[in-house]
Protein backbone atom coordinates (compact mmCIF):
# COMPACT_ATOMS: atom_id res chain seq x y z
CA UNK A 1 -10.87 36.42 12.25
CA UNK A 2 -12.55 34.49 9.41
CA UNK A 3 -9.23 34.17 7.63
CA UNK A 4 -7.57 32.71 10.74
CA UNK A 5 -10.36 30.17 11.18
CA UNK A 6 -10.11 29.20 7.50
CA UNK A 7 -6.33 28.81 7.78
CA UNK A 8 -6.62 26.64 10.88
CA UNK A 9 -9.28 24.50 9.23
CA UNK A 10 -7.08 24.04 6.16
CA UNK A 11 -4.09 23.04 8.32
CA UNK A 12 -6.23 20.55 10.24
CA UNK A 13 -7.43 18.99 6.98
CA UNK A 14 -3.87 18.63 5.69
CA UNK A 15 -2.73 17.10 8.97
CA UNK A 16 -5.45 14.47 8.80
CA UNK A 17 -4.80 13.75 5.12
CA UNK A 18 -1.03 13.58 5.60
CA UNK A 19 -0.77 9.97 6.79
CA UNK A 20 -2.90 8.76 3.88
CA UNK A 21 -0.48 10.38 1.45
CA UNK A 22 2.43 8.45 2.98
CA UNK A 23 1.16 5.11 1.63
CA UNK A 24 2.80 3.50 -1.36
CA UNK A 25 1.63 1.24 -4.15
CA UNK A 26 3.45 -1.98 -4.92
CA UNK A 27 3.34 -4.03 -8.07
CA UNK A 28 3.54 -7.76 -7.44
CA UNK A 29 3.25 -11.21 -8.99
CA UNK A 30 1.34 -14.02 -7.30
CA UNK A 31 0.11 -17.53 -8.04
CA UNK A 32 -2.68 -19.89 -7.12
CA UNK A 33 -2.43 -23.69 -7.47
CA UNK A 34 -4.96 -26.29 -8.65
CA UNK A 35 -5.46 -25.06 -11.30
CA UNK A 36 -2.39 -22.93 -11.74
CA UNK A 37 -3.25 -19.25 -12.09
CA UNK A 38 -0.80 -16.39 -12.31
CA UNK A 39 -1.62 -12.81 -11.44
CA UNK A 40 0.13 -9.46 -11.71
CA UNK A 41 -1.44 -6.87 -9.47
CA UNK A 42 -1.08 -3.70 -7.47
CA UNK A 43 -1.76 -3.08 -3.80
CA UNK A 44 -1.57 -0.09 -1.49
CA UNK A 45 0.56 -0.60 1.60
CA UNK A 46 1.24 1.60 4.63
CA UNK A 47 4.38 3.72 4.75
CA UNK A 48 6.02 1.29 7.19
CA UNK A 49 6.08 -1.36 4.43
CA UNK A 50 7.46 0.91 1.71
CA UNK A 51 11.14 0.92 2.66
CA UNK A 52 12.20 -2.25 0.85
CA UNK A 53 10.88 -5.15 -1.20
CA UNK A 54 11.33 -7.44 1.81
CA UNK A 55 9.21 -5.17 4.00
CA UNK A 56 6.56 -4.91 1.30
CA UNK A 57 6.52 -8.69 0.86
CA UNK A 58 6.15 -9.21 4.62
CA UNK A 59 3.13 -6.90 4.67
CA UNK A 60 1.49 -8.15 1.47
CA UNK A 61 1.99 -11.95 1.66
CA UNK A 62 -0.49 -12.52 4.53
CA UNK A 63 -3.15 -10.42 2.79
CA UNK A 64 -2.79 -12.44 -0.40
CA UNK A 65 -2.72 -15.73 1.51
CA UNK A 66 -6.14 -14.96 3.00
CA UNK A 67 -7.44 -14.85 -0.58
CA UNK A 68 -5.70 -18.10 -1.56
CA UNK A 69 -2.74 -16.53 -3.38
CA UNK A 70 0.99 -17.06 -2.87
CA UNK A 71 3.22 -14.03 -3.37
CA UNK A 72 5.97 -14.71 -5.89
CA UNK A 73 7.69 -11.34 -6.12
CA UNK A 74 7.44 -7.64 -5.45
CA UNK A 75 8.16 -6.09 -8.84
CA UNK A 76 8.21 -2.38 -7.92
CA UNK A 77 7.47 0.03 -5.11
CA UNK A 78 5.82 3.25 -6.29
CA UNK A 79 5.91 6.24 -3.93
């Protein structure tokens, strides 16, 4: 009985943690004007934005814009 409860608890924990593991990390380049500043950074995006550089750019650009940055390029998508 204890073993069954432990197994079910472990499965529940993995199910909850599963979506978090589906995220990806993207490497990007961005700029800020007046004065010109360039930045290379990394960001974590949801799985839905990990399929292509265009999808990643569409998800990341608004987040950077809120901080005053303009996305220049997605350099890499890391699984």
